[in-house]
Amino acid sequence: MPEETIQSKMKQLKCCVIIPTYNNDKTLKRVIDGILKYTRDIIVVNDGSTDRTLTILGEYPNVEQIHKPENTGKGTALKQGFKYAVSLGFDYAITLDTDGQHFPKDIPYFVDALIASDNRNILIIGDRNMNEADVFAKSAKGNRVSTFWMYAATGLRLNDSQSGFRLYPIKKMDTIRFMKSTKKFEFEIEAIVKSYWAGTEIKHVPINVLYDPEERVSHFRPFLDISRMVVLYTWFLLVRLFYITPRNLFRRYKKKGIKRFLVEDVFKNQDPPKKKALSIALGIFIGLSPLWGFHTIIVLFLAVLFRLNKVIAFAFSNISIAPLIPFVIFLDVRVGDLVLGTNVNYSLETIKENFDVAQHLKTYLVGSLVLSSGSAILLGLLSYLLFSIVNKKTANG
């Protein structure tokens, strides 16, 4: 595709190129000259370089430049570049490294992928083909570690989670709060994870890569930077478990409504009847238990542990949503009263207005255990029979 066409498309898309750089004077000029073939909208973030970088950038007075007095890391350089680009009116930014590993001639791949996508809220990552490309062992190792943890923390299966050659939807990302602590390479992980959680599509385009030991100056520190990645991913794993997964399940459940949810996610679900029935039983048991405030966390943990259907278990655990809590407590007390032979004699109105849990704790806990267990067993068996019948009719139908 002619270079003039790419320039025109990048203008229409409001797409610039941001290049953070630190002590890459051997390759910086070549990278800038290569980018200028496709766009004049370049922002260079000089991250406190101490080599000839300042002299080289002096040769490009028409290129936007940010000069930081000291080196603070690639993450802070990218964040500052993004903010500045948005303030100039750009919606997208292509980033690439200045150490010579990336080829500016691959910029059209990102532009074409953005134009071809129906979804303009998209983050495109250059795939360096790390399994086959001639790369340094420490770079390949860092990418393997990051890609494994990326899947664990988000469920995203990426080929190359560490590639710095990317197209970011910077205007959409401007509303995302990034951590101040992600100052170095780990910011590129945070950018993927938080953008994905915010609804951004993540995809790859293949790119070329060159690792020349004579020219390339890498600032990646295998032990320290991989350690920072793992710490960050561990945090994201916890956030996913305790917030993102429950949030997404609730949104899905709320959007569909009860009727559509039962049809699509329960009856039409391809899981075997036993698994669906056990998922319902787990949800009912946890939902009716006295573990207020922890139902979602516990039911999701157990659903993952026992390999049950998380969506079904979560949905049925909401049997004790806020408006139903007084009624559930009333049933717990009544059942506990029958089991223990006490005479609490509370009405539903009394439960709502003046119920002292501490005074009747034993009755409440016993009743809760019996009610939750009995309901889980009963509804689990009934749902198993129902799913088995539906499956047979479907198979014979």
Protein backbone atom coordinates (compact mmCIF):
# COMPACT_ATOMS: atom_id res chain seq x y z
CA MET A 1 0.00 0.00 0.00
CA PRO A 2 1.41 3.46 -0.91
CA GLU A 3 2.86 5.39 2.02
CA GLU A 4 0.67 8.41 1.16
CA THR A 5 -2.44 6.26 1.59
CA ILE A 6 -1.34 5.18 5.07
CA GLN A 7 -0.65 8.83 5.99
CA SER A 8 -4.16 9.76 4.89
CA LYS A 9 -5.75 6.88 6.80
CA MET A 10 -3.86 7.70 9.97
CA LYS A 11 -5.06 11.31 9.71
CA GLN A 12 -8.66 10.16 9.32
CA LEU A 13 -8.35 7.79 12.28
CA LYS A 14 -6.68 10.49 14.41
CA CYS A 15 -3.81 8.10 15.00
CA CYS A 16 -0.32 9.18 16.02
CA VAL A 17 2.88 7.30 16.86
CA ILE A 18 4.40 7.47 20.34
CA ILE A 19 7.95 6.27 20.92
CA PRO A 20 9.42 6.19 24.41
CA THR A 21 13.20 6.09 24.25
CA TYR A 22 16.08 5.68 26.67
CA ASN A 23 19.72 5.50 25.58
CA ASN A 24 19.05 4.06 22.12
CA ASP A 25 21.18 6.51 20.14
CA LYS A 26 22.44 3.77 17.78
CA THR A 27 18.97 3.04 16.40
CA LEU A 28 16.79 6.07 17.28
CA LYS A 29 17.36 8.02 14.05
CA ARG A 30 16.61 5.01 11.87
CA VAL A 31 13.35 4.39 13.73
CA ILE A 32 12.18 8.03 13.47
CA ASP A 33 13.05 8.23 9.76
CA GLY A 34 11.12 5.02 9.16
CA ILE A 35 8.05 6.33 10.96
CA LEU A 36 8.12 9.64 9.07
CA LYS A 37 7.37 7.73 5.86
CA TYR A 38 3.90 6.99 7.26
CA THR A 39 3.04 9.94 9.49
CA ARG A 40 4.28 13.30 10.71
CA ASP A 41 2.31 12.90 13.91
CA ILE A 42 5.05 11.56 16.15
CA ILE A 43 5.54 12.06 19.88
CA VAL A 44 8.94 11.12 21.27
CA VAL A 45 9.22 10.69 25.04
CA ASN A 46 12.88 10.98 25.99
CA ASP A 47 12.99 9.15 29.31
CA GLY A 48 16.07 10.82 30.78
CA SER A 49 18.60 9.54 28.21
CA THR A 50 22.27 10.22 28.95
CA ASP A 51 23.72 9.32 25.53
CA ARG A 52 23.43 11.24 22.22
CA THR A 53 19.61 11.07 22.20
CA LEU A 54 19.15 14.80 22.85
CA THR A 55 21.47 15.69 19.97
CA ILE A 56 19.67 13.34 17.58
CA LEU A 57 16.25 14.70 18.52
CA GLY A 58 17.54 18.20 17.82
CA GLU A 59 17.55 17.22 14.15
CA TYR A 60 13.74 16.85 14.25
CA PRO A 61 12.32 20.23 15.34
CA ASN A 62 8.88 19.44 13.84
CA VAL A 63 8.47 16.25 15.90
CA GLU A 64 6.64 16.60 19.21
CA GLN A 65 9.06 15.88 22.03
CA ILE A 66 8.77 15.34 25.78
CA HIS A 67 12.06 15.44 27.67
CA LYS A 68 12.12 13.96 31.15
CA PRO A 69 14.98 15.08 33.42
CA GLU A 70 15.65 11.55 34.67
CA ASN A 71 14.83 7.98 33.76
CA THR A 72 11.67 6.73 35.46
CA GLY A 73 10.73 3.78 33.28
CA LYS A 74 8.88 2.88 30.10
CA GLY A 75 5.53 2.74 31.88
CA THR A 76 5.63 6.35 33.04
CA ALA A 77 6.89 7.45 29.62
CA LEU A 78 3.95 5.76 27.89
CA LYS A 79 1.41 7.17 30.32
CA GLN A 80 2.75 10.68 29.81
CA GLY A 81 2.79 10.20 26.05
CA PHE A 82 -0.82 8.95 26.04
CA LYS A 83 -2.04 11.92 28.08
CA TYR A 84 -0.27 14.36 25.82
CA ALA A 85 -1.57 12.70 22.65
CA VAL A 86 -5.17 12.81 23.90
CA SER A 87 -4.74 16.50 24.73
CA LEU A 88 -3.69 17.05 21.08
CA GLY A 89 -6.92 15.40 19.87
CA PHE A 90 -5.70 11.91 18.93
CA ASP A 91 -7.95 8.87 19.41
CA TYR A 92 -5.32 6.18 18.75
CA ALA A 93 -1.59 5.77 19.22
CA ILE A 94 0.82 3.25 17.75
CA THR A 95 3.80 2.54 19.99
CA LEU A 96 7.06 0.85 19.08
CA ASP A 97 10.46 0.47 20.67
CA THR A 98 13.50 2.46 19.58
CA ASP A 99 16.05 -0.32 20.16
CA GLY A 100 15.81 -1.45 16.55
CA GLN A 101 13.81 -4.65 17.11
CA HIS A 102 10.65 -3.23 15.50
CA PHE A 103 10.28 -2.25 11.85
CA PRO A 104 8.31 0.95 11.12
CA LYS A 105 7.32 -0.62 7.78
CA ASP A 106 4.91 -2.82 9.80
CA ILE A 107 2.81 0.22 10.82
CA PRO A 108 0.31 -0.42 7.94
CA TYR A 109 -0.57 -3.79 9.49
CA PHE A 110 -2.01 -2.02 12.53
CA VAL A 111 -3.82 0.64 10.49
CA ASP A 112 -5.42 -1.95 8.20
CA ALA A 113 -6.45 -4.13 11.15
CA LEU A 114 -8.15 -1.17 12.84
CA ILE A 115 -10.00 -0.21 9.66
CA ALA A 116 -11.08 -3.82 9.02
CA SER A 117 -12.47 -4.23 12.54
CA ASP A 118 -16.15 -3.60 13.21
CA ASN A 119 -15.18 -2.71 16.76
CA ARG A 120 -13.19 0.52 17.01
CA ASN A 121 -12.61 -0.01 20.74
CA ILE A 122 -9.70 -2.32 20.07
CA LEU A 123 -6.12 -2.80 21.28
CA ILE A 124 -3.89 -4.44 18.66
CA ILE A 125 -0.65 -6.17 19.69
CA GLY A 126 2.16 -7.05 17.31
CA ASP A 127 2.87 -10.78 17.43
CA ARG A 128 6.63 -11.36 17.20
CA ASN A 129 6.23 -15.13 16.78
CA MET A 130 8.39 -15.72 19.85
CA ASN A 131 8.38 -19.49 19.43
CA GLU A 132 10.16 -19.40 16.08
CA ALA A 133 11.75 -15.98 15.70
CA ASP A 134 15.46 -15.54 16.39
CA VAL A 135 15.11 -13.81 19.76
CA PHE A 136 17.15 -13.52 22.91
CA ALA A 137 16.43 -16.23 25.45
CA LYS A 138 15.64 -13.75 28.24
CA SER A 139 13.06 -11.98 26.06
CA ALA A 140 11.41 -15.27 25.13
CA LYS A 141 11.38 -16.35 28.79
CA GLY A 142 9.82 -13.09 29.94
CA ASN A 143 7.13 -13.39 27.29
CA ARG A 144 6.30 -17.01 28.23
CA VAL A 145 5.94 -16.07 31.89
CA SER A 146 3.79 -13.07 31.07
CA THR A 147 1.58 -14.95 28.62
CA PHE A 148 0.94 -17.76 31.13
CA TRP A 149 -0.05 -15.32 33.86
CA MET A 150 -2.12 -13.25 31.44
CA TYR A 151 -4.35 -16.25 30.82
CA ALA A 152 -4.56 -17.04 34.54
CA ALA A 153 -5.49 -13.46 35.44
CA THR A 154 -7.90 -12.68 32.60
CA GLY A 155 -8.68 -15.79 30.54
CA LEU A 156 -7.10 -14.10 27.51
CA ARG A 157 -5.05 -16.42 25.32
CA LEU A 158 -2.38 -14.25 23.72
CA ASN A 159 0.61 -15.24 21.65
CA ASP A 160 2.73 -12.26 22.65
CA SER A 161 1.74 -10.29 25.73
CA GLN A 162 5.02 -8.39 26.00
CA SER A 163 5.37 -6.93 22.52
CA GLY A 164 5.81 -3.16 22.66
CA PHE A 165 4.63 -2.67 19.07
CA ARG A 166 0.94 -1.92 19.60
CA LEU A 167 -2.01 0.21 18.63
CA TYR A 168 -3.83 1.64 21.65
CA PRO A 169 -7.32 3.23 21.74
CA ILE A 170 -5.90 6.04 23.88
CA LYS A 171 -9.07 8.16 23.96
CA LYS A 172 -11.09 5.22 25.35
CA MET A 173 -8.26 4.38 27.75
CA ASP A 174 -8.15 7.91 29.11
CA THR A 175 -10.96 7.04 31.54
CA ILE A 176 -9.06 4.06 32.99
CA ARG A 177 -7.19 4.62 36.24
CA PHE A 178 -3.74 3.10 36.00
CA MET A 179 -1.57 2.44 39.02
CA LYS A 180 1.22 4.86 39.84
CA SER A 181 3.45 1.92 40.73
CA THR A 182 3.50 0.47 37.19
CA LYS A 183 6.49 2.54 36.10
CA LYS A 184 8.37 0.07 33.93
CA PHE A 185 7.60 -2.79 31.54
CA GLU A 186 4.75 -4.05 33.71
CA PHE A 187 2.58 -1.11 32.60
CA GLU A 188 2.15 -2.83 29.25
CA ILE A 189 0.58 -5.73 31.15
CA GLU A 190 -1.70 -3.40 33.10
CA ALA A 191 -2.75 -1.68 29.88
CA ILE A 192 -3.93 -4.98 28.38
CA VAL A 193 -5.67 -6.27 31.51
CA LYS A 194 -7.52 -3.09 32.46
CA SER A 195 -8.50 -2.30 28.87
CA TYR A 196 -9.87 -5.83 28.49
CA TRP A 197 -11.82 -5.53 31.73
CA ALA A 198 -13.21 -2.21 30.49
CA GLY A 199 -14.61 -3.89 27.35
CA THR A 200 -11.79 -3.33 24.86
CA GLU A 201 -11.19 -6.07 22.28
CA ILE A 202 -7.64 -7.44 22.22
CA LYS A 203 -6.19 -8.93 19.03
CA HIS A 204 -2.86 -9.65 17.31
CA VAL A 205 -1.29 -8.77 13.98
CA PRO A 206 1.92 -10.50 12.85
CA ILE A 207 5.04 -8.32 12.78
CA ASN A 208 8.70 -8.71 11.95
CA VAL A 209 11.39 -8.48 14.60
CA LEU A 210 15.16 -8.03 14.64
CA TYR A 211 17.43 -8.77 17.61
CA ASP A 212 20.86 -7.41 16.70
CA PRO A 213 23.32 -7.75 19.62
CA GLU A 214 25.60 -5.19 17.99
CA GLU A 215 23.00 -2.43 18.04
CA ARG A 216 20.27 -3.34 20.48
CA VAL A 217 20.37 -1.96 24.01
CA SER A 218 17.80 -3.79 26.14
CA HIS A 219 16.70 -2.40 29.49
CA PHE A 220 14.76 -5.52 30.42
CA ARG A 221 16.10 -7.01 33.66
CA PRO A 222 15.02 -10.66 33.72
CA PHE A 223 14.85 -11.28 37.46
CA LEU A 224 13.58 -7.89 38.64
CA ASP A 225 11.13 -7.26 35.81
CA ILE A 226 9.70 -10.79 35.80
CA SER A 227 9.28 -10.52 39.57
CA ARG A 228 7.36 -7.25 39.13
CA MET A 229 5.19 -8.93 36.50
CA VAL A 230 4.33 -11.86 38.75
CA VAL A 231 3.44 -9.58 41.67
CA LEU A 232 1.18 -7.52 39.39
CA TYR A 233 -0.45 -10.60 37.89
CA THR A 234 -1.09 -12.02 41.37
CA TRP A 235 -2.94 -8.83 42.24
CA PHE A 236 -4.95 -9.01 39.01
CA LEU A 237 -5.78 -12.64 39.73
CA LEU A 238 -7.32 -11.63 43.07
CA VAL A 239 -9.19 -8.73 41.48
CA ARG A 240 -10.57 -11.06 38.83
CA LEU A 241 -11.75 -13.59 41.41
CA PHE A 242 -13.29 -11.17 43.90
CA TYR A 243 -14.56 -8.39 41.62
CA ILE A 244 -14.36 -8.80 37.85
CA THR A 245 -15.90 -12.29 37.58
CA PRO A 246 -18.84 -11.53 39.94
CA ARG A 247 -19.38 -8.19 38.17
CA ASN A 248 -19.46 -9.79 34.72
CA LEU A 249 -21.74 -12.60 35.86
CA PHE A 250 -24.13 -10.15 37.47
CA ARG A 251 -24.21 -7.96 34.34
CA ARG A 252 -24.86 -10.99 32.16
CA TYR A 253 -27.59 -12.24 34.46
CA LYS A 254 -29.21 -8.80 34.75
CA LYS A 255 -29.05 -8.12 31.00
CA LYS A 256 -30.75 -11.39 30.08
CA GLY A 257 -33.41 -11.47 32.76
CA ILE A 258 -34.60 -14.60 34.56
CA LYS A 259 -36.56 -16.15 31.70
CA ARG A 260 -33.88 -15.75 29.04
CA PHE A 261 -31.18 -16.80 31.49
CA LEU A 262 -33.01 -20.04 32.36
CA VAL A 263 -33.54 -20.87 28.68
CA GLU A 264 -30.08 -20.01 27.33
CA ASP A 265 -27.71 -20.62 30.26
CA VAL A 266 -29.48 -23.42 32.08
CA PHE A 267 -31.68 -25.51 29.77
CA LYS A 268 -29.71 -24.97 26.55
CA ASN A 269 -26.35 -25.23 28.27
CA GLN A 270 -24.35 -28.19 26.94
CA ASP A 271 -23.12 -29.36 30.36
CA PRO A 272 -24.43 -32.79 31.43
CA PRO A 273 -27.50 -32.87 33.73
CA LYS A 274 -25.41 -33.94 36.74
CA LYS A 275 -23.07 -30.96 36.46
CA LYS A 276 -25.90 -28.47 36.03
CA ALA A 277 -27.85 -29.97 38.92
CA LEU A 278 -24.82 -29.88 41.22
CA SER A 279 -24.20 -26.26 40.20
CA ILE A 280 -27.76 -25.36 41.15
CA ALA A 281 -27.45 -27.26 44.43
CA LEU A 282 -24.22 -25.44 45.27
CA GLY A 283 -25.76 -22.06 44.49
CA ILE A 284 -28.85 -22.78 46.62
CA PHE A 285 -26.76 -24.10 49.51
CA ILE A 286 -24.43 -21.08 49.61
CA GLY A 287 -27.23 -18.61 48.90
CA LEU A 288 -29.27 -19.81 51.89
CA SER A 289 -26.28 -20.08 54.22
CA PRO A 290 -25.67 -17.37 56.85
CA LEU A 291 -22.46 -16.22 55.16
CA TRP A 292 -23.83 -12.78 54.30
CA GLY A 293 -21.45 -10.66 52.26
CA PHE A 294 -19.35 -13.64 51.14
CA HIS A 295 -21.84 -15.63 49.07
CA THR A 296 -20.44 -14.62 45.69
CA ILE A 297 -16.79 -15.18 46.59
CA ILE A 298 -17.46 -18.57 48.18
CA VAL A 299 -19.76 -19.89 45.46
CA LEU A 300 -17.34 -18.94 42.68
CA PHE A 301 -14.38 -20.42 44.54
CA LEU A 302 -16.20 -23.70 45.11
CA ALA A 303 -17.55 -23.79 41.55
CA VAL A 304 -13.99 -23.47 40.22
CA LEU A 305 -12.65 -25.96 42.77
CA PHE A 306 -15.21 -28.63 41.90
CA ARG A 307 -15.33 -27.73 38.18
CA LEU A 308 -18.99 -26.82 38.18
CA ASN A 309 -20.82 -24.24 36.07
CA LYS A 310 -19.88 -20.84 37.55
CA VAL A 311 -22.71 -18.94 35.84
CA ILE A 312 -25.44 -21.30 37.08
CA ALA A 313 -24.00 -21.55 40.60
CA PHE A 314 -23.67 -17.76 40.85
CA ALA A 315 -27.20 -17.14 39.58
CA PHE A 316 -28.85 -19.53 42.04
CA SER A 317 -26.77 -18.19 44.94
CA ASN A 318 -28.69 -14.95 44.47
CA ILE A 319 -31.73 -16.61 46.01
CA SER A 320 -30.98 -14.47 49.06
CA ILE A 321 -30.80 -11.06 47.40
CA ALA A 322 -31.44 -8.08 49.69
CA PRO A 323 -35.26 -7.93 49.45
CA LEU A 324 -35.51 -11.65 50.34
CA ILE A 325 -33.12 -11.64 53.30
CA PRO A 326 -35.83 -11.08 55.98
CA PHE A 327 -37.90 -13.94 54.49
CA VAL A 328 -34.85 -16.25 54.43
CA ILE A 329 -34.03 -15.44 58.07
CA PHE A 330 -37.69 -16.02 58.98
CA LEU A 331 -37.58 -19.48 57.38
CA ASP A 332 -34.23 -20.23 59.09
CA VAL A 333 -35.67 -19.38 62.51
CA ARG A 334 -38.84 -21.36 61.86
CA VAL A 335 -36.91 -24.44 60.76
CA GLY A 336 -34.50 -24.11 63.69
CA ASP A 337 -37.46 -23.78 66.03
CA LEU A 338 -38.94 -27.02 64.70
CA VAL A 339 -35.64 -28.91 64.86
CA LEU A 340 -34.71 -27.77 68.38
CA GLY A 341 -38.23 -27.74 69.77
CA THR A 342 -37.91 -24.14 70.98
CA ASN A 343 -40.62 -21.53 70.77
CA VAL A 344 -39.15 -18.41 69.23
CA ASN A 345 -42.52 -17.40 67.80
CA TYR A 346 -41.31 -14.58 65.54
CA SER A 347 -43.47 -13.27 62.69
CA LEU A 348 -42.09 -11.98 59.40
CA GLU A 349 -42.81 -8.41 60.50
CA THR A 350 -40.90 -8.96 63.74
CA ILE A 351 -37.94 -10.30 61.77
CA LYS A 352 -37.91 -7.17 59.61
CA GLU A 353 -38.16 -4.72 62.51
CA ASN A 354 -36.67 -6.21 65.66
CA PHE A 355 -34.84 -9.52 65.36
CA ASP A 356 -31.94 -10.10 67.74
CA VAL A 357 -29.66 -12.61 65.99
CA ALA A 358 -27.33 -12.94 68.98
CA GLN A 359 -30.19 -13.91 71.29
CA HIS A 360 -31.40 -16.68 68.97
CA LEU A 361 -28.08 -17.51 67.30
CA LYS A 362 -28.27 -21.28 67.88
CA THR A 363 -31.81 -21.52 66.51
CA TYR A 364 -30.88 -19.37 63.52
CA LEU A 365 -27.70 -21.29 62.65
CA VAL A 366 -29.28 -24.73 63.02
CA GLY A 367 -32.27 -23.67 60.95
CA SER A 368 -30.01 -22.12 58.31
CA LEU A 369 -27.92 -25.28 58.00
CA VAL A 370 -30.97 -27.54 57.74
CA LEU A 371 -32.81 -25.24 55.30
CA SER A 372 -29.82 -24.68 53.02
CA SER A 373 -28.85 -28.37 52.98
CA GLY A 374 -32.39 -29.64 52.51
CA SER A 375 -33.20 -27.10 49.79
CA ALA A 376 -29.95 -27.84 47.95
CA ILE A 377 -30.58 -31.61 48.00
CA LEU A 378 -34.25 -31.31 47.02
CA LEU A 379 -33.79 -28.77 44.21
CA GLY A 380 -30.62 -30.49 43.04
CA LEU A 381 -32.47 -33.80 42.62
CA LEU A 382 -35.48 -32.18 40.98
CA SER A 383 -33.31 -30.24 38.54
CA TYR A 384 -31.33 -33.39 37.72
CA LEU A 385 -34.54 -35.24 36.85
CA LEU A 386 -35.79 -32.27 34.83
CA PHE A 387 -32.55 -31.88 32.87
CA SER A 388 -32.42 -35.62 32.21
CA ILE A 389 -35.95 -35.59 30.80
CA VAL A 390 -35.22 -32.52 28.63
CA ASN A 391 -32.01 -34.13 27.33
CA LYS A 392 -33.85 -37.35 26.37
CA LYS A 393 -36.60 -35.42 24.58
CA THR A 394 -34.00 -33.36 22.74
CA ALA A 395 -32.06 -36.47 21.73
CA ASN A 396 -35.23 -38.23 20.53
CA GLY A 397 -36.67 -35.14 18.97
